Amino acid sequence: MISRELLEILVCPLCKKPLIEKDNGASLKCAACRRVYPVRDDIPILLVDEATIDPA
């Protein structure tokens, strides 16, 4: 689980918009560009190459 303090400062590395938790903390989603970044062992993987695009 990602702490609220960390989540408040994390931004999408591509468009620099805030990220929100998705799937009970299993991933982080950017509402602006719809990229979804995985979270592995409570560590957000904020690499554009690792991200997927959420269709909705």
N, C-alpha and C. Protein backbone atom coordinates (compact mmCIF):
# COMPACT_ATOMS: atom_id res chain seq x y z
N MET A 1 0.84 -1.19 0.00
CA MET A 1 0.00 0.00 0.00
C MET A 1 0.88 1.24 0.00
N ILE A 2 0.56 2.17 -0.84
CA ILE A 2 1.33 3.41 -0.95
C ILE A 2 0.77 4.42 0.05
N SER A 3 1.65 5.07 0.77
CA SER A 3 1.22 6.04 1.78
C SER A 3 0.58 7.26 1.11
N ARG A 4 -0.32 7.90 1.82
CA ARG A 4 -0.99 9.11 1.31
C ARG A 4 0.02 10.21 1.01
N GLU A 5 1.04 10.34 1.85
CA GLU A 5 2.05 11.39 1.66
C GLU A 5 2.79 11.19 0.34
N LEU A 6 3.15 9.94 0.05
CA LEU A 6 3.85 9.65 -1.21
C LEU A 6 2.92 9.86 -2.39
N LEU A 7 1.69 9.41 -2.28
CA LEU A 7 0.73 9.54 -3.37
C LEU A 7 0.47 11.01 -3.71
N GLU A 8 0.53 11.88 -2.72
CA GLU A 8 0.30 13.30 -2.96
C GLU A 8 1.39 13.95 -3.80
N ILE A 9 2.61 13.40 -3.77
CA ILE A 9 3.71 14.02 -4.53
C ILE A 9 4.03 13.30 -5.85
N LEU A 10 3.48 12.10 -6.04
CA LEU A 10 3.75 11.38 -7.29
C LEU A 10 2.97 11.98 -8.44
N VAL A 11 3.63 12.10 -9.59
CA VAL A 11 2.98 12.59 -10.81
C VAL A 11 3.36 11.68 -11.97
N CYS A 12 2.59 11.74 -13.01
CA CYS A 12 2.87 10.98 -14.22
C CYS A 12 4.17 11.50 -14.83
N PRO A 13 5.11 10.61 -15.13
CA PRO A 13 6.39 11.07 -15.70
C PRO A 13 6.25 11.65 -17.10
N LEU A 14 5.16 11.36 -17.78
CA LEU A 14 4.98 11.86 -19.15
C LEU A 14 4.31 13.23 -19.18
N CYS A 15 3.18 13.37 -18.49
CA CYS A 15 2.43 14.64 -18.58
C CYS A 15 2.46 15.46 -17.30
N LYS A 16 3.07 14.92 -16.23
CA LYS A 16 3.24 15.62 -14.95
C LYS A 16 1.94 15.92 -14.21
N LYS A 17 0.90 15.15 -14.46
CA LYS A 17 -0.38 15.29 -13.75
C LYS A 17 -0.42 14.30 -12.58
N PRO A 18 -1.24 14.56 -11.56
CA PRO A 18 -1.31 13.67 -10.38
C PRO A 18 -1.79 12.27 -10.75
N LEU A 19 -1.37 11.30 -9.94
CA LEU A 19 -1.76 9.91 -10.12
C LEU A 19 -2.76 9.52 -9.05
N ILE A 20 -3.66 8.60 -9.39
CA ILE A 20 -4.63 8.09 -8.43
C ILE A 20 -4.49 6.57 -8.35
N GLU A 21 -4.81 6.01 -7.19
CA GLU A 21 -4.73 4.56 -7.00
C GLU A 21 -5.83 3.87 -7.79
N LYS A 22 -5.49 2.70 -8.29
CA LYS A 22 -6.44 1.88 -9.04
C LYS A 22 -6.27 0.44 -8.59
N ASP A 23 -7.32 -0.33 -8.63
CA ASP A 23 -7.29 -1.75 -8.27
C ASP A 23 -6.72 -1.99 -6.88
N ASN A 24 -7.22 -1.23 -5.90
CA ASN A 24 -6.80 -1.39 -4.49
C ASN A 24 -5.29 -1.23 -4.31
N GLY A 25 -4.70 -0.30 -5.03
CA GLY A 25 -3.28 -0.02 -4.86
C GLY A 25 -2.36 -0.86 -5.72
N ALA A 26 -2.91 -1.69 -6.61
CA ALA A 26 -2.08 -2.54 -7.48
C ALA A 26 -1.49 -1.75 -8.64
N SER A 27 -2.03 -0.56 -8.88
CA SER A 27 -1.53 0.29 -9.96
C SER A 27 -1.90 1.74 -9.68
N LEU A 28 -1.27 2.63 -10.44
CA LEU A 28 -1.54 4.06 -10.35
C LEU A 28 -1.94 4.56 -11.73
N LYS A 29 -2.99 5.36 -11.79
CA LYS A 29 -3.49 5.84 -13.07
C LYS A 29 -3.41 7.35 -13.16
N CYS A 30 -3.03 7.82 -14.33
CA CYS A 30 -3.04 9.25 -14.63
C CYS A 30 -4.38 9.56 -15.30
N ALA A 31 -5.14 10.47 -14.72
CA ALA A 31 -6.44 10.81 -15.28
C ALA A 31 -6.32 11.60 -16.57
N ALA A 32 -5.20 12.29 -16.77
CA ALA A 32 -5.03 13.12 -17.96
C ALA A 32 -4.70 12.29 -19.20
N CYS A 33 -3.67 11.46 -19.13
CA CYS A 33 -3.24 10.70 -20.31
C CYS A 33 -3.67 9.23 -20.25
N ARG A 34 -4.33 8.81 -19.17
CA ARG A 34 -4.90 7.47 -18.98
C ARG A 34 -3.84 6.36 -18.89
N ARG A 35 -2.60 6.70 -18.66
CA ARG A 35 -1.58 5.67 -18.48
C ARG A 35 -1.72 5.05 -17.09
N VAL A 36 -1.51 3.74 -17.03
CA VAL A 36 -1.61 3.00 -15.77
C VAL A 36 -0.24 2.40 -15.48
N TYR A 37 0.32 2.77 -14.34
CA TYR A 37 1.65 2.33 -13.93
C TYR A 37 1.51 1.24 -12.88
N PRO A 38 2.23 0.13 -13.01
CA PRO A 38 2.12 -0.95 -12.03
C PRO A 38 2.79 -0.58 -10.70
N VAL A 39 2.33 -1.24 -9.65
CA VAL A 39 2.95 -1.14 -8.33
C VAL A 39 3.37 -2.55 -7.95
N ARG A 40 4.67 -2.75 -7.75
CA ARG A 40 5.20 -4.08 -7.40
C ARG A 40 5.89 -4.01 -6.05
N ASP A 41 5.49 -4.85 -5.14
CA ASP A 41 6.04 -4.88 -3.78
C ASP A 41 5.98 -3.50 -3.13
N ASP A 42 4.86 -2.83 -3.30
CA ASP A 42 4.60 -1.48 -2.76
C ASP A 42 5.52 -0.41 -3.35
N ILE A 43 6.12 -0.67 -4.51
CA ILE A 43 6.99 0.30 -5.18
C ILE A 43 6.35 0.66 -6.52
N PRO A 44 6.00 1.94 -6.72
CA PRO A 44 5.44 2.34 -8.01
C PRO A 44 6.52 2.30 -9.10
N ILE A 45 6.20 1.67 -10.21
CA ILE A 45 7.11 1.58 -11.35
C ILE A 45 6.67 2.66 -12.34
N LEU A 46 7.29 3.82 -12.22
CA LEU A 46 6.87 4.97 -13.04
C LEU A 46 7.73 5.11 -14.30
N LEU A 47 7.79 4.03 -15.05
CA LEU A 47 8.49 4.02 -16.33
C LEU A 47 7.45 4.01 -17.44
N VAL A 48 7.58 4.91 -18.39
CA VAL A 48 6.61 5.01 -19.47
C VAL A 48 6.52 3.69 -20.25
N ASP A 49 7.65 3.00 -20.40
CA ASP A 49 7.66 1.73 -21.13
C ASP A 49 6.91 0.62 -20.38
N GLU A 50 6.76 0.74 -19.08
CA GLU A 50 6.05 -0.25 -18.27
C GLU A 50 4.55 0.06 -18.19
N ALA A 51 4.14 1.23 -18.57
CA ALA A 51 2.75 1.66 -18.44
C ALA A 51 1.88 1.07 -19.54
N THR A 52 0.61 0.91 -19.19
CA THR A 52 -0.40 0.53 -20.19
C THR A 52 -1.37 1.69 -20.30
N ILE A 53 -2.16 1.70 -21.36
CA ILE A 53 -3.15 2.77 -21.56
C ILE A 53 -4.52 2.20 -21.23
N ASP A 54 -5.20 2.84 -20.30
CA ASP A 54 -6.54 2.42 -19.90
C ASP A 54 -7.54 2.98 -20.92
N PRO A 55 -8.38 2.12 -21.51
CA PRO A 55 -9.31 2.62 -22.54
C PRO A 55 -10.40 3.53 -21.99
N ALA A 56 -10.68 3.47 -20.68
CA ALA A 56 -11.75 4.30 -20.12
C ALA A 56 -11.23 5.34 -19.17
